[in-house]
Amino acid sequence: MKRGRGFTLIEILIALTILAILSTLGVAGYRHHRRSAAETVLAANLQIMRHAIEQYKADRGKYPASLDDLWREASKRYLQSIPMDPILRSSNMWVVELEPPDPDNPDGEVGISNVRSGADGIDLEGKPYSDY
């Protein structure tokens, strides 16, 4: 008999298996790089917000009462908007740390002295997101 042109079932199965293995490796690499990029953006956003908090304190002599104080006032904006936490994909899930109360004025207003991520879990290096 004359053999027809084309692929056998075994050849097609081998090719599909190789493609499946390669695509699995590609997806795993993509997820790793995406997570790494989100962690880098998280660290940068926290640095930007902490810098804005310190700028606010230097200009006004007190810490802001809320994160919204950093961008709401049109005359002196420290941020254009509150950055997004890329791990939680939200801009309103930040955990704020208040400054300690003044012992000379215990009824005085306390402000935000630091900001952290509200995300649970750890990064690729084993550091908790809350420690960023």
Protein backbone atom coordinates (compact mmCIF):
# COMPACT_ATOMS: atom_id res chain seq x y z
CA MET A 1 0.00 0.00 0.00
CA LYS A 2 0.96 3.50 -0.61
CA ARG A 3 1.49 5.54 2.55
CA GLY A 4 -0.47 8.80 2.61
CA ARG A 5 1.03 12.15 3.34
CA GLY A 6 0.34 13.44 6.82
CA PHE A 7 1.13 12.81 10.41
CA THR A 8 0.41 9.73 12.42
CA LEU A 9 -1.57 9.89 15.61
CA ILE A 10 1.59 9.26 17.64
CA GLU A 11 3.42 12.19 16.01
CA ILE A 12 0.52 14.53 16.72
CA LEU A 13 0.32 13.40 20.36
CA ILE A 14 4.05 13.93 20.84
CA ALA A 15 3.85 17.42 19.34
CA LEU A 16 0.87 18.34 21.54
CA THR A 17 2.65 17.01 24.64
CA ILE A 18 5.72 19.12 23.89
CA LEU A 19 3.52 22.20 23.37
CA ALA A 20 1.70 21.55 26.65
CA ILE A 21 4.98 21.27 28.56
CA LEU A 22 6.36 24.46 27.02
CA SER A 23 3.18 26.43 27.71
CA THR A 24 3.16 25.23 31.33
CA LEU A 25 6.71 26.49 31.79
CA GLY A 26 5.79 29.80 30.14
CA VAL A 27 2.78 30.35 32.40
CA ALA A 28 4.82 29.58 35.53
CA GLY A 29 7.51 32.05 34.44
CA TYR A 30 4.89 34.68 33.65
CA ARG A 31 3.28 34.35 37.09
CA HIS A 32 6.64 34.62 38.81
CA HIS A 33 7.60 37.78 36.91
CA ARG A 34 4.17 39.32 37.44
CA ARG A 35 4.38 38.75 41.20
CA SER A 36 7.91 40.11 41.30
CA ALA A 37 6.78 43.23 39.42
CA ALA A 38 3.85 43.73 41.84
CA GLU A 39 6.24 43.54 44.79
CA THR A 40 8.52 46.12 43.19
CA VAL A 41 5.58 48.46 42.58
CA LEU A 42 4.41 47.96 46.18
CA ALA A 43 7.80 48.99 47.54
CA ALA A 44 7.90 52.03 45.23
CA ASN A 45 4.36 53.14 46.14
CA LEU A 46 5.13 52.88 49.84
CA GLN A 47 8.31 54.89 49.39
CA ILE A 48 6.38 57.60 47.50
CA MET A 49 3.69 57.82 50.18
CA ARG A 50 6.22 57.87 53.02
CA HIS A 51 8.10 60.66 51.27
CA ALA A 52 4.85 62.62 50.83
CA ILE A 53 4.04 62.17 54.54
CA GLU A 54 7.47 63.51 55.49
CA GLN A 55 7.10 66.44 53.08
CA TYR A 56 3.72 67.27 54.64
CA LYS A 57 5.29 67.17 58.12
CA ALA A 58 8.19 69.38 57.03
CA ASP A 59 5.87 71.97 55.46
CA ARG A 60 3.16 72.06 58.11
CA GLY A 61 4.87 70.94 61.29
CA LYS A 62 2.48 68.06 61.84
CA TYR A 63 1.63 64.74 60.28
CA PRO A 64 -1.47 64.45 58.07
CA ALA A 65 -4.67 63.33 59.78
CA SER A 66 -5.51 61.04 56.85
CA LEU A 67 -3.97 59.90 53.58
CA ASP A 68 -6.53 62.04 51.76
CA ASP A 69 -4.83 65.16 53.17
CA LEU A 70 -1.87 64.37 50.91
CA TRP A 71 -3.78 65.00 47.69
CA ARG A 72 -7.07 66.81 48.33
CA GLU A 73 -5.79 70.35 48.81
CA ALA A 74 -5.26 71.86 45.36
CA SER A 75 -2.79 74.53 46.50
CA LYS A 76 -0.26 72.07 47.94
CA ARG A 77 -0.66 68.53 46.66
CA TYR A 78 1.84 65.99 47.81
CA LEU A 79 0.30 63.20 45.72
CA GLN A 80 -1.90 63.29 42.63
CA SER A 81 -3.90 60.43 44.10
CA ILE A 82 -3.47 57.65 46.63
CA PRO A 83 -1.43 54.92 44.93
CA MET A 84 -2.84 51.45 44.54
CA ASP A 85 -1.58 48.48 46.53
CA PRO A 86 -0.75 46.11 43.66
CA ILE A 87 -1.03 43.03 45.85
CA LEU A 88 -4.58 43.85 47.00
CA ARG A 89 -5.41 45.83 43.83
CA SER A 90 -6.94 48.58 45.93
CA SER A 91 -6.01 52.10 46.97
CA ASN A 92 -8.01 52.11 50.19
CA MET A 93 -6.56 49.06 51.96
CA TRP A 94 -3.41 50.73 53.31
CA VAL A 95 -2.65 50.26 57.00
CA VAL A 96 -1.66 53.53 58.63
CA GLU A 97 0.46 53.99 61.74
CA LEU A 98 -0.28 56.98 63.91
CA GLU A 99 2.42 59.00 65.58
CA PRO A 100 2.68 58.51 69.35
CA PRO A 101 0.68 61.05 71.35
CA ASP A 102 2.51 64.08 72.72
CA PRO A 103 2.96 63.62 76.48
CA ASP A 104 2.72 67.41 76.95
CA ASN A 105 -0.57 67.54 75.04
CA PRO A 106 -2.34 64.16 75.36
CA ASP A 107 -5.57 65.56 73.86
CA GLY A 108 -3.75 66.88 70.79
CA GLU A 109 -4.41 65.61 67.31
CA VAL A 110 -2.21 62.73 66.15
CA GLY A 111 -1.40 62.15 62.53
CA ILE A 112 -0.22 59.41 60.22
CA SER A 113 3.50 58.83 60.55
CA ASN A 114 3.83 55.69 58.42
CA VAL A 115 1.89 53.54 56.00
CA ARG A 116 2.11 49.81 55.29
CA SER A 117 0.47 47.31 53.00
CA GLY A 118 -2.65 45.58 54.28
CA ALA A 119 -1.86 42.45 52.28
CA ASP A 120 -1.41 39.12 54.00
CA GLY A 121 1.28 36.75 52.87
CA ILE A 122 4.95 36.90 52.07
CA ASP A 123 6.96 38.00 49.06
CA LEU A 124 9.22 35.85 46.91
CA GLU A 125 12.10 36.36 49.35
CA GLY A 126 10.06 35.33 52.40
CA LYS A 127 9.45 38.84 53.76
CA PRO A 128 5.87 39.63 54.89
CA TYR A 129 4.13 42.35 52.85
CA SER A 130 3.24 44.11 56.09
CA ASP A 131 6.98 44.66 56.73
CA TYR A 132 7.57 46.60 53.52
